[in-house]
């Protein structure tokens, strides 16, 4: 994965420019919703795994 360090109005950030997997969806809105759902699922699974180990 390649990234580029950027800044705008004093805010520092990183922009991925290569190597990221394609997110399912035809429009940017569909891609955003899919990415949010995937993130929520991963967080839920991680929390469940942490509870199982305790």
Protein backbone atom coordinates (compact mmCIF):
# COMPACT_ATOMS: atom_id res chain seq x y z
CA UNK A 1 0.00 0.00 0.00
CA UNK A 2 1.35 3.40 -0.93
CA UNK A 3 0.37 6.58 0.83
CA UNK A 4 1.09 10.25 0.48
CA UNK A 5 1.55 12.62 3.41
CA UNK A 6 -0.54 15.75 2.93
CA UNK A 7 -1.70 18.81 4.83
CA UNK A 8 -4.51 21.30 4.35
CA UNK A 9 -5.06 24.36 6.53
CA UNK A 10 -2.69 22.98 9.14
CA UNK A 11 -4.33 19.53 9.32
CA UNK A 12 -1.96 16.64 8.61
CA UNK A 13 -3.24 13.50 6.92
CA UNK A 14 -2.35 10.52 4.77
CA UNK A 15 -3.99 9.64 1.47
CA UNK A 16 -3.81 6.07 0.14
CA UNK A 17 -2.76 6.27 -3.50
CA UNK A 18 -2.12 2.61 -4.39
CA UNK A 19 -2.64 -0.92 -3.15
CA UNK A 20 -6.03 -0.63 -1.42
CA UNK A 21 -8.62 -3.27 -2.20
CA UNK A 22 -11.70 -2.22 -4.15
CA UNK A 23 -14.81 -1.72 -2.02
CA UNK A 24 -18.06 -3.22 -3.32
CA UNK A 25 -20.58 -0.73 -4.73
CA UNK A 26 -21.28 1.19 -7.90
CA UNK A 27 -21.43 4.70 -6.44
CA UNK A 28 -19.32 6.39 -3.79
CA UNK A 29 -22.36 6.38 -1.48
CA UNK A 30 -22.74 2.59 -1.86
CA UNK A 31 -19.00 2.15 -1.24
CA UNK A 32 -19.19 4.32 1.89
CA UNK A 33 -22.13 2.33 3.29
CA UNK A 34 -20.36 -0.97 2.54
CA UNK A 35 -17.13 0.20 4.17
CA UNK A 36 -19.03 1.34 7.29
CA UNK A 37 -20.85 -2.00 7.54
CA UNK A 38 -17.57 -3.92 7.16
CA UNK A 39 -15.93 -1.82 9.87
CA UNK A 40 -18.84 -2.31 12.28
CA UNK A 41 -18.75 -6.08 11.68
CA UNK A 42 -14.99 -6.24 12.31
CA UNK A 43 -15.30 -4.22 15.51
CA UNK A 44 -18.14 -6.47 16.75
CA UNK A 45 -16.16 -9.64 16.01
CA UNK A 46 -13.09 -8.20 17.73
CA UNK A 47 -15.10 -7.34 20.85
CA UNK A 48 -16.62 -10.82 20.96
CA UNK A 49 -13.21 -12.43 20.60
CA UNK A 50 -11.80 -10.31 23.43
CA UNK A 51 -14.68 -11.32 25.72
CA UNK A 52 -14.18 -15.01 24.86
CA UNK A 53 -10.54 -14.86 25.97
CA UNK A 54 -11.33 -13.43 29.39
